Amino acid sequence: MKDLKKIFHHARFRIDAGGADGASFNKAAYVAPTLAPAPAASTAKKTVSAQPATAPVATAAKKAASSYSGYSGGGYSYGGGGGDSQPAPDPAAVAASIADQMNKIAKKAYKRNKKTIQTIYDTSKGTFDTNLANNNGQLEAQARYSTQLANADAEQAMREAYINQMLSRRDMGQWLASQGLTGGASETTRASLENAYQNARAQIDAERNRGVSDINMNYNNNIAQAIRQYNEQIAQLAQQKAQLEMQNENRYTNNQINALQTGLRYS
């Protein structure tokens, strides 16, 4: 009863003061509230187990922890909710592995380029060798054919000179006989004809020798020119090969430096 009086007195004080929100109060219209009867003693009390206020928060945290899968990369799992996680790799080992892989790729490219350069050189040199051999063969065949023509012309000239000498003897003998000349005159005439014939043969041989000599000189000059051209081609080809090999060496060195710098960035 004392508690009820205190409550009633406090409520009345608030009402007389104008209400909790400061509004005016009409005493005539005020109806006192009716208190509910106290529950019976036989009514069974409901037992309520007290739950901590943080239970929902703890449950959510537990679910979040169980659903966290962590970060996996490069065959390793880092952090997150236990399990078969593996330690992070050593940065130095990762850098060394990257540099090693880049070096292997650079070395393969270097060997492949070197083989290609050698193949190009061998193919080009083989072409030049074949061209030189074919050219020299053609020059030799041409010189041989020209020599054969010179010899054939000389032999034909020899035959014609011999026939002319025999005809001259016949005609000269008939003419001497018609003139009644015999003895020393006929012998002198025959000797003169023989000398003319021998002179003709000597002249034919000289012309043939000059022709063959010109043919051989022309052949040798053409062979020398072909060899000079071949040597120039081989020298130029060797220079190109050296330049390509130097470029390949420099590229390989630069790739090794890039591999080292890349490894250092990852270390």
C-alpha atoms as a PDB file:
ATOM      1  CA  MET A   1       0.000   0.000   0.000  1.00  0.00           C
ATOM      2  CA  LYS A   2       2.811   2.372   0.775  1.00  0.00           C
ATOM      3  CA  ASP A   3       4.261   1.766  -2.668  1.00  0.00           C
ATOM      4  CA  LEU A   4       0.929   2.411  -4.319  1.00  0.00           C
ATOM      5  CA  LYS A   5       0.576   5.636  -2.434  1.00  0.00           C
ATOM      6  CA  LYS A   6       3.999   6.773  -3.546  1.00  0.00           C
ATOM      7  CA  ILE A   7       3.220   5.957  -7.163  1.00  0.00           C
ATOM      8  CA  PHE A   8      -0.130   7.691  -6.972  1.00  0.00           C
ATOM      9  CA  HIS A   9       1.430  10.704  -5.298  1.00  0.00           C
ATOM     10  CA  HIS A  10       4.121  10.903  -7.972  1.00  0.00           C
ATOM     11  CA  ALA A  11       1.603  10.616 -10.782  1.00  0.00           C
ATOM     12  CA  ARG A  12      -0.605  13.227  -9.186  1.00  0.00           C
ATOM     13  CA  PHE A  13       2.391  15.525  -8.838  1.00  0.00           C
ATOM     14  CA  ARG A  14       3.121  15.159 -12.552  1.00  0.00           C
ATOM     15  CA  ILE A  15      -0.523  15.711 -13.457  1.00  0.00           C
ATOM     16  CA  ASP A  16      -0.798  18.806 -11.255  1.00  0.00           C
ATOM     17  CA  ALA A  17       2.345  20.123 -12.826  1.00  0.00           C
ATOM     18  CA  GLY A  18       0.794  19.971 -16.234  1.00  0.00           C
ATOM     19  CA  GLY A  19       1.747  16.452 -17.451  1.00  0.00           C
ATOM     20  CA  ALA A  20       4.936  14.955 -18.582  1.00  0.00           C
ATOM     21  CA  ASP A  21       4.846  16.937 -21.804  1.00  0.00           C
ATOM     22  CA  GLY A  22       3.784  20.190 -20.090  1.00  0.00           C
ATOM     23  CA  ALA A  23       0.086  20.039 -21.261  1.00  0.00           C
ATOM     24  CA  SER A  24      -2.783  21.307 -18.988  1.00  0.00           C
ATOM     25  CA  PHE A  25      -4.752  18.742 -17.059  1.00  0.00           C
ATOM     26  CA  ASN A  26      -8.518  18.686 -16.469  1.00  0.00           C
ATOM     27  CA  LYS A  27      -9.173  17.328 -12.997  1.00  0.00           C
ATOM     28  CA  ALA A  28     -12.881  16.976 -13.636  1.00  0.00           C
ATOM     29  CA  ALA A  29     -12.359  14.677 -16.571  1.00  0.00           C
ATOM     30  CA  TYR A  30      -9.683  12.602 -14.876  1.00  0.00           C
ATOM     31  CA  VAL A  31     -10.592   8.971 -14.111  1.00  0.00           C
ATOM     32  CA  ALA A  32      -8.209   7.092 -11.873  1.00  0.00           C
ATOM     33  CA  PRO A  33      -6.841   3.903 -13.380  1.00  0.00           C
ATOM     34  CA  THR A  34      -8.019   0.556 -12.047  1.00  0.00           C
ATOM     35  CA  LEU A  35      -5.247  -1.659 -10.753  1.00  0.00           C
ATOM     36  CA  ALA A  36      -5.220  -5.249 -11.965  1.00  0.00           C
ATOM     37  CA  PRO A  37      -5.643  -7.904  -9.245  1.00  0.00           C
ATOM     38  CA  ALA A  38      -2.509  -9.693  -8.135  1.00  0.00           C
ATOM     39  CA  PRO A  39      -2.035 -13.159  -9.543  1.00  0.00           C
ATOM     40  CA  ALA A  40      -2.995 -16.152  -7.505  1.00  0.00           C
ATOM     41  CA  ALA A  41      -0.338 -17.813  -5.435  1.00  0.00           C
ATOM     42  CA  SER A  42      -1.036 -21.182  -7.044  1.00  0.00           C
ATOM     43  CA  THR A  43      -0.205 -19.913 -10.500  1.00  0.00           C
ATOM     44  CA  ALA A  44       2.982 -21.573 -11.646  1.00  0.00           C
ATOM     45  CA  LYS A  45       5.833 -19.223 -12.346  1.00  0.00           C
ATOM     46  CA  LYS A  46       7.301 -19.463 -15.764  1.00  0.00           C
ATOM     47  CA  THR A  47      11.005 -20.087 -15.725  1.00  0.00           C
ATOM     48  CA  VAL A  48      12.842 -17.958 -18.202  1.00  0.00           C
ATOM     49  CA  SER A  49      16.453 -18.759 -18.782  1.00  0.00           C
ATOM     50  CA  ALA A  50      18.458 -15.609 -19.011  1.00  0.00           C
ATOM     51  CA  GLN A  51      20.329 -15.182 -22.327  1.00  0.00           C
ATOM     52  CA  PRO A  52      23.227 -12.827 -22.617  1.00  0.00           C
ATOM     53  CA  ALA A  53      22.568  -9.807 -24.747  1.00  0.00           C
ATOM     54  CA  THR A  54      25.561 -10.601 -26.959  1.00  0.00           C
ATOM     55  CA  ALA A  55      24.363 -14.078 -28.027  1.00  0.00           C
ATOM     56  CA  PRO A  56      23.136 -13.027 -31.530  1.00  0.00           C
ATOM     57  CA  VAL A  57      26.374 -11.140 -32.095  1.00  0.00           C
ATOM     58  CA  ALA A  58      28.479 -14.142 -31.097  1.00  0.00           C
ATOM     59  CA  THR A  59      26.464 -16.428 -33.390  1.00  0.00           C
ATOM     60  CA  ALA A  60      26.939 -14.084 -36.369  1.00  0.00           C
ATOM     61  CA  ALA A  61      30.653 -13.855 -35.687  1.00  0.00           C
ATOM     62  CA  LYS A  62      30.886 -17.620 -35.528  1.00  0.00           C
ATOM     63  CA  LYS A  63      29.105 -17.974 -38.880  1.00  0.00           C
ATOM     64  CA  ALA A  64      31.330 -15.358 -40.461  1.00  0.00           C
ATOM     65  CA  ALA A  65      34.413 -17.120 -39.169  1.00  0.00           C
ATOM     66  CA  SER A  66      33.252 -20.499 -40.462  1.00  0.00           C
ATOM     67  CA  SER A  67      32.401 -19.064 -43.910  1.00  0.00           C
ATOM     68  CA  TYR A  68      35.743 -17.191 -44.281  1.00  0.00           C
ATOM     69  CA  SER A  69      37.846 -19.049 -46.795  1.00  0.00           C
ATOM     70  CA  GLY A  70      40.890 -16.833 -46.668  1.00  0.00           C
ATOM     71  CA  TYR A  71      43.173 -15.966 -49.619  1.00  0.00           C
ATOM     72  CA  SER A  72      44.729 -18.632 -51.774  1.00  0.00           C
ATOM     73  CA  GLY A  73      47.312 -17.978 -54.472  1.00  0.00           C
ATOM     74  CA  GLY A  74      50.192 -19.812 -56.086  1.00  0.00           C
ATOM     75  CA  GLY A  75      49.393 -23.069 -54.297  1.00  0.00           C
ATOM     76  CA  TYR A  76      49.360 -21.489 -50.839  1.00  0.00           C
ATOM     77  CA  SER A  77      46.459 -20.544 -48.491  1.00  0.00           C
ATOM     78  CA  TYR A  78      46.823 -17.613 -46.194  1.00  0.00           C
ATOM     79  CA  GLY A  79      44.725 -16.853 -43.087  1.00  0.00           C
ATOM     80  CA  GLY A  80      41.092 -17.493 -42.549  1.00  0.00           C
ATOM     81  CA  GLY A  81      39.393 -19.946 -40.254  1.00  0.00           C
ATOM     82  CA  GLY A  82      42.023 -22.647 -39.819  1.00  0.00           C
ATOM     83  CA  GLY A  83      42.091 -25.667 -42.096  1.00  0.00           C
ATOM     84  CA  ASP A  84      45.059 -26.915 -44.134  1.00  0.00           C
ATOM     85  CA  SER A  85      46.650 -23.485 -44.592  1.00  0.00           C
ATOM     86  CA  GLN A  86      50.284 -23.355 -45.733  1.00  0.00           C
ATOM     87  CA  PRO A  87      52.910 -20.781 -44.899  1.00  0.00           C
ATOM     88  CA  ALA A  88      53.582 -17.928 -47.323  1.00  0.00           C
ATOM     89  CA  PRO A  89      56.451 -18.645 -49.793  1.00  0.00           C
ATOM     90  CA  ASP A  90      59.819 -17.043 -49.323  1.00  0.00           C
ATOM     91  CA  PRO A  91      60.011 -13.897 -51.517  1.00  0.00           C
ATOM     92  CA  ALA A  92      63.611 -14.681 -52.366  1.00  0.00           C
ATOM     93  CA  ALA A  93      62.600 -18.151 -53.582  1.00  0.00           C
ATOM     94  CA  VAL A  94      59.775 -16.675 -55.688  1.00  0.00           C
ATOM     95  CA  ALA A  95      62.149 -14.129 -57.205  1.00  0.00           C
ATOM     96  CA  ALA A  96      64.737 -16.816 -57.966  1.00  0.00           C
ATOM     97  CA  SER A  97      62.084 -18.999 -59.597  1.00  0.00           C
ATOM     98  CA  ILE A  98      60.830 -16.151 -61.788  1.00  0.00           C
ATOM     99  CA  ALA A  99      64.355 -15.204 -62.828  1.00  0.00           C
ATOM    100  CA  ASP A 100      65.177 -18.848 -63.579  1.00  0.00           C
ATOM    101  CA  GLN A 101      62.099 -19.278 -65.789  1.00  0.00           C
ATOM    102  CA  MET A 102      62.868 -16.074 -67.692  1.00  0.00           C
ATOM    103  CA  ASN A 103      66.481 -17.163 -68.163  1.00  0.00           C
ATOM    104  CA  LYS A 104      65.361 -20.518 -69.556  1.00  0.00           C
ATOM    105  CA  ILE A 105      63.056 -18.824 -72.051  1.00  0.00           C
ATOM    106  CA  ALA A 106      65.814 -16.382 -73.053  1.00  0.00           C
ATOM    107  CA  LYS A 107      68.312 -19.231 -73.508  1.00  0.00           C
ATOM    108  CA  LYS A 108      65.911 -21.197 -75.705  1.00  0.00           C
ATOM    109  CA  ALA A 109      65.310 -18.107 -77.856  1.00  0.00           C
ATOM    110  CA  TYR A 110      69.068 -17.513 -78.073  1.00  0.00           C
ATOM    111  CA  LYS A 111      69.782 -21.062 -79.227  1.00  0.00           C
ATOM    112  CA  ARG A 112      66.880 -21.000 -81.698  1.00  0.00           C
ATOM    113  CA  ASN A 113      68.064 -17.699 -83.207  1.00  0.00           C
ATOM    114  CA  LYS A 114      71.641 -18.926 -83.392  1.00  0.00           C
ATOM    115  CA  LYS A 115      70.557 -22.061 -85.222  1.00  0.00           C
ATOM    116  CA  THR A 116      68.425 -20.001 -87.618  1.00  0.00           C
ATOM    117  CA  ILE A 117      71.338 -17.663 -88.362  1.00  0.00           C
ATOM    118  CA  GLN A 118      73.635 -20.607 -89.096  1.00  0.00           C
ATOM    119  CA  THR A 119      70.996 -22.222 -91.310  1.00  0.00           C
ATOM    120  CA  ILE A 120      70.551 -19.010 -93.306  1.00  0.00           C
ATOM    121  CA  TYR A 121      74.315 -18.685 -93.695  1.00  0.00           C
ATOM    122  CA  ASP A 122      74.774 -22.287 -94.815  1.00  0.00           C
ATOM    123  CA  THR A 123      71.866 -22.051 -97.257  1.00  0.00           C
ATOM    124  CA  SER A 124      73.117 -18.800 -98.782  1.00  0.00           C
ATOM    125  CA  LYS A 125      76.691 -20.067 -98.994  1.00  0.00           C
ATOM    126  CA  GLY A 126      75.472 -23.267-100.622  1.00  0.00           C
ATOM    127  CA  THR A 127      73.622 -21.184-103.205  1.00  0.00           C
ATOM    128  CA  PHE A 128      76.751 -19.139-103.925  1.00  0.00           C
ATOM    129  CA  ASP A 129      78.848 -22.311-104.177  1.00  0.00           C
ATOM    130  CA  THR A 130      76.382 -23.832-106.620  1.00  0.00           C
ATOM    131  CA  ASN A 131      76.239 -20.659-108.701  1.00  0.00           C
ATOM    132  CA  LEU A 132      80.032 -20.478-108.851  1.00  0.00           C
ATOM    133  CA  ALA A 133      80.338 -24.117-109.853  1.00  0.00           C
ATOM    134  CA  ASN A 134      77.646 -23.753-112.538  1.00  0.00           C
ATOM    135  CA  ASN A 135      79.193 -20.549-113.838  1.00  0.00           C
ATOM    136  CA  ASN A 136      82.663 -22.077-114.004  1.00  0.00           C
ATOM    137  CA  GLY A 137      81.270 -25.145-115.691  1.00  0.00           C
ATOM    138  CA  GLN A 138      79.552 -23.018-118.329  1.00  0.00           C
ATOM    139  CA  LEU A 139      82.712 -21.005-118.889  1.00  0.00           C
ATOM    140  CA  GLU A 140      84.750 -24.173-119.259  1.00  0.00           C
ATOM    141  CA  ALA A 141      82.260 -25.687-121.673  1.00  0.00           C
ATOM    142  CA  GLN A 142      82.198 -22.498-123.701  1.00  0.00           C
ATOM    143  CA  ALA A 143      85.988 -22.352-123.830  1.00  0.00           C
ATOM    144  CA  ARG A 144      86.203 -25.991-124.848  1.00  0.00           C
ATOM    145  CA  TYR A 145      83.652 -25.474-127.592  1.00  0.00           C
ATOM    146  CA  SER A 146      85.459 -22.368-128.860  1.00  0.00           C
ATOM    147  CA  THR A 147      88.746 -24.280-128.917  1.00  0.00           C
ATOM    148  CA  GLN A 148      87.156 -27.092-130.856  1.00  0.00           C
ATOM    149  CA  LEU A 149      85.824 -24.583-133.391  1.00  0.00           C
ATOM    150  CA  ALA A 150      89.274 -23.002-133.725  1.00  0.00           C
ATOM    151  CA  ASN A 151      90.884 -26.388-134.286  1.00  0.00           C
ATOM    152  CA  ALA A 152      88.206 -27.390-136.760  1.00  0.00           C
ATOM    153  CA  ASP A 153      88.661 -24.168-138.694  1.00  0.00           C
ATOM    154  CA  ALA A 154      92.409 -24.690-138.744  1.00  0.00           C
ATOM    155  CA  GLU A 155      92.078 -28.268-139.963  1.00  0.00           C
ATOM    156  CA  GLN A 156      89.728 -27.135-142.698  1.00  0.00           C
ATOM    157  CA  ALA A 157      92.169 -24.429-143.706  1.00  0.00           C
ATOM    158  CA  MET A 158      94.954 -27.029-143.784  1.00  0.00           C
ATOM    159  CA  ARG A 159      92.953 -29.253-146.078  1.00  0.00           C
ATOM    160  CA  GLU A 160      92.110 -26.381-148.369  1.00  0.00           C
ATOM    161  CA  ALA A 161      95.767 -25.343-148.476  1.00  0.00           C
ATOM    162  CA  TYR A 162      96.829 -28.871-149.358  1.00  0.00           C
ATOM    163  CA  ILE A 163      94.226 -29.138-152.107  1.00  0.00           C
ATOM    164  CA  ASN A 164      95.263 -25.775-153.507  1.00  0.00           C
ATOM    165  CA  GLN A 165      98.897 -26.874-153.451  1.00  0.00           C
ATOM    166  CA  MET A 166      98.105 -30.114-155.328  1.00  0.00           C
ATOM    167  CA  LEU A 167      95.985 -28.270-157.868  1.00  0.00           C
ATOM    168  CA  SER A 168      98.716 -25.736-158.309  1.00  0.00           C
ATOM    169  CA  ARG A 169     101.231 -28.483-158.977  1.00  0.00           C
ATOM    170  CA  ARG A 170      98.969 -30.088-161.561  1.00  0.00           C
ATOM    171  CA  ASP A 171      98.195 -26.881-163.301  1.00  0.00           C
ATOM    172  CA  MET A 172     101.810 -25.740-163.124  1.00  0.00           C
ATOM    173  CA  GLY A 173     103.072 -29.046-164.604  1.00  0.00           C
ATOM    174  CA  GLN A 174     100.636 -28.756-167.496  1.00  0.00           C
ATOM    175  CA  TRP A 175     101.554 -25.151-168.103  1.00  0.00           C
ATOM    176  CA  LEU A 176     105.293 -25.940-168.026  1.00  0.00           C
ATOM    177  CA  ALA A 177     104.795 -28.809-170.416  1.00  0.00           C
ATOM    178  CA  SER A 178     102.844 -26.551-172.750  1.00  0.00           C
ATOM    179  CA  GLN A 179     105.711 -24.102-172.617  1.00  0.00           C
ATOM    180  CA  GLY A 180     108.278 -26.823-173.208  1.00  0.00           C
ATOM    181  CA  LEU A 181     109.956 -26.174-169.895  1.00  0.00           C
ATOM    182  CA  THR A 182     111.444 -29.126-168.049  1.00  0.00           C
ATOM    183  CA  GLY A 183     114.307 -29.889-165.773  1.00  0.00           C
ATOM    184  CA  GLY A 184     115.434 -27.089-163.486  1.00  0.00           C
ATOM    185  CA  ALA A 185     112.518 -24.821-164.188  1.00  0.00           C
ATOM    186  CA  SER A 186     109.946 -27.410-163.150  1.00  0.00           C
ATOM    187  CA  GLU A 187     111.830 -28.264-159.985  1.00  0.00           C
ATOM    188  CA  THR A 188     112.085 -24.654-159.050  1.00  0.00           C
ATOM    189  CA  THR A 189     108.394 -24.192-159.667  1.00  0.00           C
ATOM    190  CA  ARG A 190     107.501 -27.210-157.535  1.00  0.00           C
ATOM    191  CA  ALA A 191     109.729 -25.958-154.741  1.00  0.00           C
ATOM    192  CA  SER A 192     108.036 -22.600-154.907  1.00  0.00           C
ATOM    193  CA  LEU A 193     104.635 -24.239-154.657  1.00  0.00           C
ATOM    194  CA  GLU A 194     105.782 -26.346-151.688  1.00  0.00           C
ATOM    195  CA  ASN A 195     107.067 -23.278-149.898  1.00  0.00           C
ATOM    196  CA  ALA A 196     103.789 -21.500-150.426  1.00  0.00           C
ATOM    197  CA  TYR A 197     101.923 -24.475-149.061  1.00  0.00           C
ATOM    198  CA  GLN A 198     104.129 -24.682-145.954  1.00  0.00           C
ATOM    199  CA  ASN A 199     103.768 -20.989-145.391  1.00  0.00           C
ATOM    200  CA  ALA A 200     100.022 -21.350-145.587  1.00  0.00           C
ATOM    201  CA  ARG A 201     100.102 -24.132-143.038  1.00  0.00           C
ATOM    202  CA  ALA A 202     102.269 -22.082-140.702  1.00  0.00           C
ATOM    203  CA  GLN A 203      99.915 -19.151-141.004  1.00  0.00           C
ATOM    204  CA  ILE A 204      96.925 -21.369-140.271  1.00  0.00           C
ATOM    205  CA  ASP A 205      98.661 -22.807-137.188  1.00  0.00           C
ATOM    206  CA  ALA A 206      99.537 -19.317-135.976  1.00  0.00           C
ATOM    207  CA  GLU A 207      95.983 -18.140-136.369  1.00  0.00           C
ATOM    208  CA  ARG A 208      94.696 -21.221-134.586  1.00  0.00           C
ATOM    209  CA  ASN A 209      97.141 -20.729-131.713  1.00  0.00           C
ATOM    210  CA  ARG A 210      96.167 -17.084-131.384  1.00  0.00           C
ATOM    211  CA  GLY A 211      92.520 -18.017-131.345  1.00  0.00           C
ATOM    212  CA  VAL A 212      93.030 -20.729-128.726  1.00  0.00           C
ATOM    213  CA  SER A 213      95.159 -18.371-126.651  1.00  0.00           C
ATOM    214  CA  ASP A 214      92.429 -15.717-126.742  1.00  0.00           C
ATOM    215  CA  ILE A 215      89.865 -18.302-125.747  1.00  0.00           C
ATOM    216  CA  ASN A 216      91.952 -19.435-122.777  1.00  0.00           C
ATOM    217  CA  MET A 217      92.667 -15.877-121.694  1.00  0.00           C
ATOM    218  CA  ASN A 218      88.992 -14.974-121.862  1.00  0.00           C
ATOM    219  CA  TYR A 219      88.134 -18.128-119.937  1.00  0.00           C
ATOM    220  CA  ASN A 220      90.665 -17.391-117.213  1.00  0.00           C
ATOM    221  CA  ASN A 221      89.494 -13.792-116.903  1.00  0.00           C
ATOM    222  CA  ASN A 222      85.885 -14.881-116.564  1.00  0.00           C
ATOM    223  CA  ILE A 223      86.836 -17.505-113.952  1.00  0.00           C
ATOM    224  CA  ALA A 224      88.799 -14.925-111.977  1.00  0.00           C
ATOM    225  CA  GLN A 225      85.903 -12.467-112.136  1.00  0.00           C
ATOM    226  CA  ALA A 226      83.454 -15.141-110.977  1.00  0.00           C
ATOM    227  CA  ILE A 227      85.739 -16.051-108.068  1.00  0.00           C
ATOM    228  CA  ARG A 228      86.094 -12.388-107.066  1.00  0.00           C
ATOM    229  CA  GLN A 229      82.335 -11.993-107.110  1.00  0.00           C
ATOM    230  CA  TYR A 230      81.942 -15.186-105.094  1.00  0.00           C
ATOM    231  CA  ASN A 231      84.470 -14.031-102.495  1.00  0.00           C
ATOM    232  CA  GLU A 232      82.689 -10.685-102.175  1.00  0.00           C
ATOM    233  CA  GLN A 233      79.378 -12.460-101.652  1.00  0.00           C
ATOM    234  CA  ILE A 234      80.881 -14.768 -99.023  1.00  0.00           C
ATOM    235  CA  ALA A 235      82.524 -11.830 -97.237  1.00  0.00           C
ATOM    236  CA  GLN A 236      79.242  -9.892 -97.199  1.00  0.00           C
ATOM    237  CA  LEU A 237      77.384 -12.975 -96.033  1.00  0.00           C
ATOM    238  CA  ALA A 238      79.900 -13.537 -93.219  1.00  0.00           C
ATOM    239  CA  GLN A 239      79.537  -9.900 -92.163  1.00  0.00           C
ATOM    240  CA  GLN A 240      75.762 -10.200 -92.046  1.00  0.00           C
ATOM    241  CA  LYS A 241      76.087 -13.371 -90.014  1.00  0.00           C
ATOM    242  CA  ALA A 242      78.429 -11.672 -87.548  1.00  0.00           C
ATOM    243  CA  GLN A 243      75.994  -8.760 -87.147  1.00  0.00           C
ATOM    244  CA  LEU A 244      73.057 -11.091 -86.549  1.00  0.00           C
ATOM    245  CA  GLU A 245      75.061 -13.128 -84.044  1.00  0.00           C
ATOM    246  CA  MET A 246      76.060  -9.946 -82.200  1.00  0.00           C
ATOM    247  CA  GLN A 247      72.435  -8.823 -82.097  1.00  0.00           C
ATOM    248  CA  ASN A 248      71.435 -12.220 -80.797  1.00  0.00           C
ATOM    249  CA  GLU A 249      74.135 -12.075 -78.103  1.00  0.00           C
ATOM    250  CA  ASN A 250      73.045  -8.581 -77.049  1.00  0.00           C
ATOM    251  CA  ARG A 251      69.400  -9.624 -76.947  1.00  0.00           C
ATOM    252  CA  TYR A 252      70.266 -12.621 -74.808  1.00  0.00           C
ATOM    253  CA  THR A 253      72.268 -10.439 -72.405  1.00  0.00           C
ATOM    254  CA  ASN A 254      69.418  -7.919 -72.170  1.00  0.00           C
ATOM    255  CA  ASN A 255      66.961 -10.727 -71.448  1.00  0.00           C
ATOM    256  CA  GLN A 256      69.193 -11.974 -68.649  1.00  0.00           C
ATOM    257  CA  ILE A 257      69.341  -8.469 -67.172  1.00  0.00           C
ATOM    258  CA  ASN A 258      65.547  -8.155 -67.435  1.00  0.00           C
ATOM    259  CA  ALA A 259      65.153 -11.496 -65.676  1.00  0.00           C
ATOM    260  CA  LEU A 260      67.414 -10.327 -62.861  1.00  0.00           C
ATOM    261  CA  GLN A 261      65.592  -7.010 -62.509  1.00  0.00           C
ATOM    262  CA  THR A 262      62.212  -8.754 -62.528  1.00  0.00           C
ATOM    263  CA  GLY A 263      63.405 -11.121 -59.825  1.00  0.00           C
ATOM    264  CA  LEU A 264      64.591  -8.203 -57.726  1.00  0.00           C
ATOM    265  CA  ARG A 265      61.188  -6.535 -58.011  1.00  0.00           C
ATOM    266  CA  TYR A 266      59.516  -9.657 -56.657  1.00  0.00           C
ATOM    267  CA  SER A 267      62.074 -10.214 -53.910  1.00  0.00           C
END
